[in-house]
C-alpha cells in the first residue's frame, strides 16, 4: 500500500469516526441545551440556543424526582453489583483461563447460554422468591440479581485477560512460596487491573441505568433509584420539557464523569483483552 492509499484510508477513517461522534454527541448536546431553557422555548424551537440559564429546572427536577435519595440508592445498587461481579468473575476467570477444572468447556458453554436467555423469563419466579424472603424493596438484594445477570459477561472478559498473563509468572510465584490467594491478590490482580476497570465500568453503567429489574423489585418511594425517580416525573412534568431535560441531565452527568475519568483504562482494557481463548 502506497503513501497515497494510506493517507486516503486514514482520512476516510477519521471521517467515519467524526460521523459516529456527531451521532452520539448531538442528542446529548440538545438535552443539555434544552435543560436550561423554559418549556415554552423548548417547544417553540428545541434547536435554538438558550437566552439564559434557567436553574429552576434543575431545582424542580431534583425536588420532585427525589434525586437526593435516588442518587444514594443508585450508588448502593451499583456498588453492590460491581463488587460482586468483580470478585466472583475474576476468580472464575482465573480458574477457567488456567483450565484448572476438567469440565471447563461445559462451564463456558453454560455461561454462553446464560448470556442468551432473557431475564424476563425469570421475573415471576424471582419476584415470588423475593416476596417469600421479604427482600422486596431491598436495594442490595436487587444488586445481587443484577450481579447474576452480568456475571457471564464478567467471566468471559476476565478469562480473556487472564489468558494474557504468562504461565511463567504463576510458576515463578509458586516457586517463591506464595499461596494461591497471595498469587491472585498481589501478583495477578495488578496485571489484569485494566480488565477489572473495564468490567467494573461496563457493569456499573448497566446497573446505574437499570430499569426493568429495579421497577419490578423496588416500588417503595424510599428505595427508588435515579432512573425510577426520573420516571416518576413523567406524570407531573410530562408537558414541562425543560424540567424533564434537566432531570435527564442529572441522570447522565455522573455517568459522563465516570466514563471520562476512566475512558483511557476502558479502551486499553478492551484492546488488551481482545484475544481468542
Protein backbone atom coordinates (compact mmCIF):
# COMPACT_ATOMS: atom_id res chain seq x y z
CA UNK A 1 0.00 0.00 0.00
CA UNK A 2 1.49 3.32 -1.08
CA UNK A 3 1.51 6.58 0.85
CA UNK A 4 -1.48 7.99 -1.04
CA UNK A 5 -3.62 4.96 -0.24
CA UNK A 6 -2.65 5.05 3.43
CA UNK A 7 -3.46 8.77 3.59
CA UNK A 8 -6.84 8.22 1.97
CA UNK A 9 -7.63 5.35 4.35
CA UNK A 10 -6.66 7.48 7.35
CA UNK A 11 -8.82 10.40 6.19
CA UNK A 12 -11.78 8.10 5.46
CA UNK A 13 -11.41 6.50 8.88
CA UNK A 14 -11.38 9.88 10.61
CA UNK A 15 -14.46 10.98 8.66
CA UNK A 16 -16.36 7.85 9.70
CA UNK A 17 -15.32 8.35 13.34
CA UNK A 18 -16.39 12.01 13.19
CA UNK A 19 -19.81 10.99 11.86
CA UNK A 20 -20.26 8.43 14.65
CA UNK A 21 -19.14 11.04 17.21
CA UNK A 22 -21.72 13.52 15.93
CA UNK A 23 -24.46 10.90 16.04
CA UNK A 24 -23.59 10.17 19.66
CA UNK A 25 -23.00 13.74 20.85
CA UNK A 26 -25.77 15.73 19.12
CA UNK A 27 -28.64 14.26 21.22
CA UNK A 28 -26.63 14.77 24.41
CA UNK A 29 -25.85 18.38 23.49
CA UNK A 30 -29.51 19.05 22.69
CA UNK A 31 -30.59 17.65 26.06
CA UNK A 32 -28.03 19.87 27.80
CA UNK A 33 -29.13 22.98 25.89
CA UNK A 34 -32.84 22.41 26.46
CA UNK A 35 -32.34 21.61 30.15
CA UNK A 36 -31.61 25.30 30.84
CA UNK A 37 -34.46 26.68 28.72
CA UNK A 38 -38.06 27.39 29.60
CA UNK A 39 -40.59 24.81 28.46
CA UNK A 40 -42.15 27.28 26.02
CA UNK A 41 -38.75 27.91 24.41
CA UNK A 42 -38.10 24.18 24.13
CA UNK A 43 -41.48 23.63 22.46
CA UNK A 44 -41.04 26.61 20.17
CA UNK A 45 -37.58 25.73 18.88
CA UNK A 46 -35.64 22.86 20.54
CA UNK A 47 -32.64 23.56 18.28
CA UNK A 48 -32.21 27.20 19.31
CA UNK A 49 -29.56 28.38 21.75
CA UNK A 50 -30.75 29.38 25.25
CA UNK A 51 -31.13 33.06 26.05
CA UNK A 52 -30.40 32.49 29.73
CA UNK A 53 -29.73 29.83 32.37
CA UNK A 54 -32.94 28.56 33.96
CA UNK A 55 -31.59 26.87 37.10
CA UNK A 56 -35.14 26.37 38.36
CA UNK A 57 -35.47 23.40 36.01
CA UNK A 58 -32.76 21.54 37.93
CA UNK A 59 -34.23 22.55 41.30
CA UNK A 60 -37.68 21.26 40.33
CA UNK A 61 -36.28 18.07 38.85
CA UNK A 62 -34.13 17.36 41.91
CA UNK A 63 -37.03 18.01 44.28
CA UNK A 64 -39.92 16.26 42.54
CA UNK A 65 -37.80 13.36 41.32
CA UNK A 66 -36.43 12.87 44.86
CA UNK A 67 -32.99 12.61 43.28
CA UNK A 68 -31.13 13.01 46.56
CA UNK A 69 -32.37 9.67 47.89
CA UNK A 70 -32.36 8.19 44.40
CA UNK A 71 -28.69 9.06 43.98
CA UNK A 72 -27.83 7.25 47.21
CA UNK A 73 -29.87 4.18 46.24
CA UNK A 74 -28.27 4.09 42.80
CA UNK A 75 -24.82 4.24 44.37
CA UNK A 76 -25.64 1.36 46.72
CA UNK A 77 -27.12 -0.70 43.89
CA UNK A 78 -24.19 -0.05 41.55
CA UNK A 79 -21.53 -0.64 44.20
CA UNK A 80 -23.12 -3.93 45.27
CA UNK A 81 -23.39 -5.16 41.69
CA UNK A 82 -19.86 -4.17 40.71
CA UNK A 83 -18.25 -5.57 43.86
CA UNK A 84 -19.90 -8.98 43.48
CA UNK A 85 -19.18 -9.22 39.76
CA UNK A 86 -15.52 -8.19 40.08
CA UNK A 87 -14.74 -10.60 42.91
CA UNK A 88 -16.52 -13.65 41.53
CA UNK A 89 -15.82 -13.13 37.82
CA UNK A 90 -12.10 -12.54 38.43
CA UNK A 91 -11.81 -15.75 40.47
CA UNK A 92 -13.82 -17.72 37.90
CA UNK A 93 -11.82 -16.18 35.06
CA UNK A 94 -8.56 -17.23 36.70
CA UNK A 95 -9.74 -20.82 37.11
CA UNK A 96 -11.19 -21.10 33.59
CA UNK A 97 -8.20 -19.44 31.91
CA UNK A 98 -5.83 -21.90 33.55
CA UNK A 99 -8.12 -24.84 32.71
CA UNK A 100 -7.87 -25.88 36.35
CA UNK A 101 -11.13 -27.86 36.16
CA UNK A 102 -11.72 -30.69 33.71
CA UNK A 103 -15.23 -29.57 32.83
CA UNK A 104 -14.20 -26.03 31.89
CA UNK A 105 -15.56 -26.35 28.29
CA UNK A 106 -19.00 -27.22 29.65
CA UNK A 107 -18.82 -24.31 32.05
CA UNK A 108 -18.03 -21.94 29.19
CA UNK A 109 -20.98 -23.34 27.22
CA UNK A 110 -23.19 -22.77 30.26
CA UNK A 111 -22.11 -19.12 30.53
CA UNK A 112 -22.67 -18.67 26.80
CA UNK A 113 -26.20 -19.99 27.14
CA UNK A 114 -26.80 -17.83 30.20
CA UNK A 115 -25.95 -14.71 28.18
CA UNK A 116 -28.62 -15.55 25.59
CA UNK A 117 -31.53 -16.22 27.96
CA UNK A 118 -33.72 -13.11 28.50
CA UNK A 119 -34.15 -12.08 32.12
CA UNK A 120 -37.90 -11.62 31.54
CA UNK A 121 -38.31 -15.40 31.80
CA UNK A 122 -37.19 -15.31 35.43
CA UNK A 123 -39.04 -12.22 36.65
CA UNK A 124 -42.08 -14.03 38.06
CA UNK A 125 -40.19 -16.76 39.96
CA UNK A 126 -37.68 -14.17 41.18
CA UNK A 127 -40.46 -11.88 42.38
CA UNK A 128 -42.16 -14.78 44.16
CA UNK A 129 -38.90 -15.77 45.85
CA UNK A 130 -38.14 -12.19 46.89
CA UNK A 131 -41.63 -11.79 48.33
CA UNK A 132 -41.37 -15.00 50.37
CA UNK A 133 -37.94 -13.99 51.70
CA UNK A 134 -39.06 -10.44 52.49
CA UNK A 135 -36.48 -8.93 50.15
CA UNK A 136 -38.76 -6.67 48.14
CA UNK A 137 -37.61 -3.02 48.23
CA UNK A 138 -34.17 -4.21 49.35
CA UNK A 139 -31.57 -2.39 47.24
CA UNK A 140 -28.53 -4.64 47.99
CA UNK A 141 -30.63 -7.74 47.25
CA UNK A 142 -31.53 -6.32 43.84
CA UNK A 143 -27.81 -5.68 43.35
CA UNK A 144 -27.25 -9.43 43.76
CA UNK A 145 -29.77 -10.09 40.98
CA UNK A 146 -28.06 -7.60 38.68
CA UNK A 147 -24.70 -9.17 39.52
CA UNK A 148 -26.04 -12.57 38.47
CA UNK A 149 -27.26 -11.10 35.19
CA UNK A 150 -23.89 -9.51 34.44
CA UNK A 151 -21.79 -12.42 35.71
CA UNK A 152 -21.45 -14.31 32.39
CA UNK A 153 -20.13 -11.19 30.67
CA UNK A 154 -17.72 -10.54 33.53
CA UNK A 155 -16.41 -14.11 33.48
CA UNK A 156 -15.83 -14.04 29.73
CA UNK A 157 -13.99 -10.72 29.93
CA UNK A 158 -11.83 -11.66 32.91
CA UNK A 159 -10.95 -15.02 31.35
CA UNK A 160 -9.55 -13.25 28.28
CA UNK A 161 -7.40 -11.03 30.49
CA UNK A 162 -6.04 -13.95 32.48
CA UNK A 163 -5.22 -15.71 29.21
CA UNK A 164 -2.80 -12.85 28.51
CA UNK A 165 -0.88 -13.49 31.75
CA UNK A 166 2.25 -15.58 31.07
CA UNK A 167 2.16 -19.00 32.70
CA UNK A 168 5.78 -18.48 33.77
CA UNK A 169 4.66 -15.69 36.10
CA UNK A 170 2.42 -18.05 38.05
CA UNK A 171 5.05 -20.78 38.12
CA UNK A 172 7.72 -18.39 39.41
CA UNK A 173 5.38 -17.17 42.14
CA UNK A 174 4.71 -20.70 43.37
CA UNK A 175 8.44 -21.44 43.35
CA UNK A 176 8.91 -18.41 45.61
CA UNK A 177 6.47 -19.94 48.08
CA UNK A 178 3.32 -17.82 47.67
CA UNK A 179 -0.09 -19.42 48.09
CA UNK A 180 -2.99 -19.13 45.66
CA UNK A 181 -4.61 -16.21 47.48
CA UNK A 182 -1.36 -14.24 47.57
CA UNK A 183 -0.78 -15.03 43.89
CA UNK A 184 -4.17 -13.67 42.86
CA UNK A 185 -4.23 -10.70 45.25
CA UNK A 186 -0.67 -9.39 44.93
CA UNK A 187 0.55 -10.61 41.53
CA UNK A 188 -2.29 -11.37 39.12
CA UNK A 189 -4.76 -8.65 40.11
CA UNK A 190 -2.28 -5.81 39.36
CA UNK A 191 -1.55 -7.42 35.99
CA UNK A 192 -5.23 -7.67 35.00
CA UNK A 193 -6.18 -4.31 36.51
CA UNK A 194 -7.25 -2.90 33.10
CA UNK A 195 -9.69 -5.79 32.84
CA UNK A 196 -11.07 -5.17 36.31
CA UNK A 197 -11.62 -1.49 35.49
CA UNK A 198 -13.21 -2.32 32.14
CA UNK A 199 -15.61 -4.85 33.61
CA UNK A 200 -16.35 -2.56 36.55
CA UNK A 201 -17.22 0.41 34.33
CA UNK A 202 -19.40 -1.56 31.91
CA UNK A 203 -21.25 -3.45 34.66
CA UNK A 204 -21.56 -0.24 36.70
CA UNK A 205 -23.15 1.60 33.78
CA UNK A 206 -25.58 -1.27 33.27
CA UNK A 207 -26.56 -1.23 36.94
CA UNK A 208 -26.85 2.58 37.06
CA UNK A 209 -29.21 2.65 34.07
CA UNK A 210 -31.17 -0.49 35.01
CA UNK A 211 -34.93 -0.09 34.77
CA UNK A 212 -36.73 -3.42 34.33
CA UNK A 213 -35.38 -5.17 37.43
CA UNK A 214 -35.46 -2.09 39.67
CA UNK A 215 -39.00 -1.15 38.66
CA UNK A 216 -40.11 -4.70 39.49
CA UNK A 217 -38.45 -5.14 42.89
CA UNK A 218 -38.11 -1.52 44.12
CA UNK A 219 -41.56 0.00 44.33
CA UNK A 220 -41.31 1.91 47.61
CA UNK A 221 -40.58 5.62 47.28
CA UNK A 222 -37.69 5.27 49.75
CA UNK A 223 -35.89 2.68 47.61
CA UNK A 224 -36.28 4.22 44.16
CA UNK A 225 -33.14 4.77 42.13
CA UNK A 226 -32.36 7.77 39.94
CA UNK A 227 -33.88 6.05 36.92
CA UNK A 228 -37.12 5.36 38.76
CA UNK A 229 -37.14 8.89 40.18
CA UNK A 230 -36.88 10.28 36.67
CA UNK A 231 -39.75 8.03 35.60
CA UNK A 232 -41.91 9.33 38.45
CA UNK A 233 -41.60 12.85 36.99
CA UNK A 234 -43.31 11.78 33.80
CA UNK A 235 -46.84 12.38 35.08
CA UNK A 236 -46.14 15.71 36.79
CA UNK A 237 -43.77 17.27 34.27
CA UNK A 238 -44.64 15.42 31.07
CA UNK A 239 -45.55 18.75 29.48
CA UNK A 240 -42.67 20.71 31.03
CA UNK A 241 -39.90 19.63 28.71
CA UNK A 242 -37.33 21.90 30.34
CA UNK A 243 -37.67 20.16 33.71
CA UNK A 244 -37.66 16.72 32.06
CA UNK A 245 -34.45 17.58 30.20
CA UNK A 246 -32.90 18.81 33.45
CA UNK A 247 -33.82 15.51 35.13
CA UNK A 248 -32.22 13.62 32.25
CA UNK A 249 -29.02 15.65 32.67
CA UNK A 250 -28.91 14.86 36.40
CA UNK A 251 -29.16 11.19 35.47
CA UNK A 252 -26.49 11.42 32.75
CA UNK A 253 -23.85 13.65 34.37
CA UNK A 254 -22.49 11.04 36.87
CA UNK A 255 -22.14 8.52 34.05
CA UNK A 256 -20.25 11.02 31.91
CA UNK A 257 -17.89 11.92 34.75
CA UNK A 258 -17.04 8.28 35.49
CA UNK A 259 -16.58 7.37 31.84
CA UNK A 260 -14.44 10.40 31.03
CA UNK A 261 -12.27 9.76 34.08
CA UNK A 262 -11.76 6.08 33.24
CA UNK A 263 -12.02 6.05 29.44
CA UNK A 264 -8.28 5.50 28.96
CA UNK A 265 -8.36 2.40 31.15
CA UNK A 266 -11.50 1.10 29.44
CA UNK A 267 -10.04 1.50 25.95
CA UNK A 268 -6.74 -0.08 26.99
CA UNK A 269 -8.61 -2.88 28.71
CA UNK A 270 -10.79 -3.68 25.70
CA UNK A 271 -7.74 -3.62 23.43
CA UNK A 272 -5.56 -5.80 25.64
CA UNK A 273 -8.36 -8.25 26.38
CA UNK A 274 -9.29 -8.95 22.77
CA UNK A 275 -7.70 -12.37 22.40
CA UNK A 276 -9.05 -15.77 21.47
CA UNK A 277 -9.48 -18.25 24.27
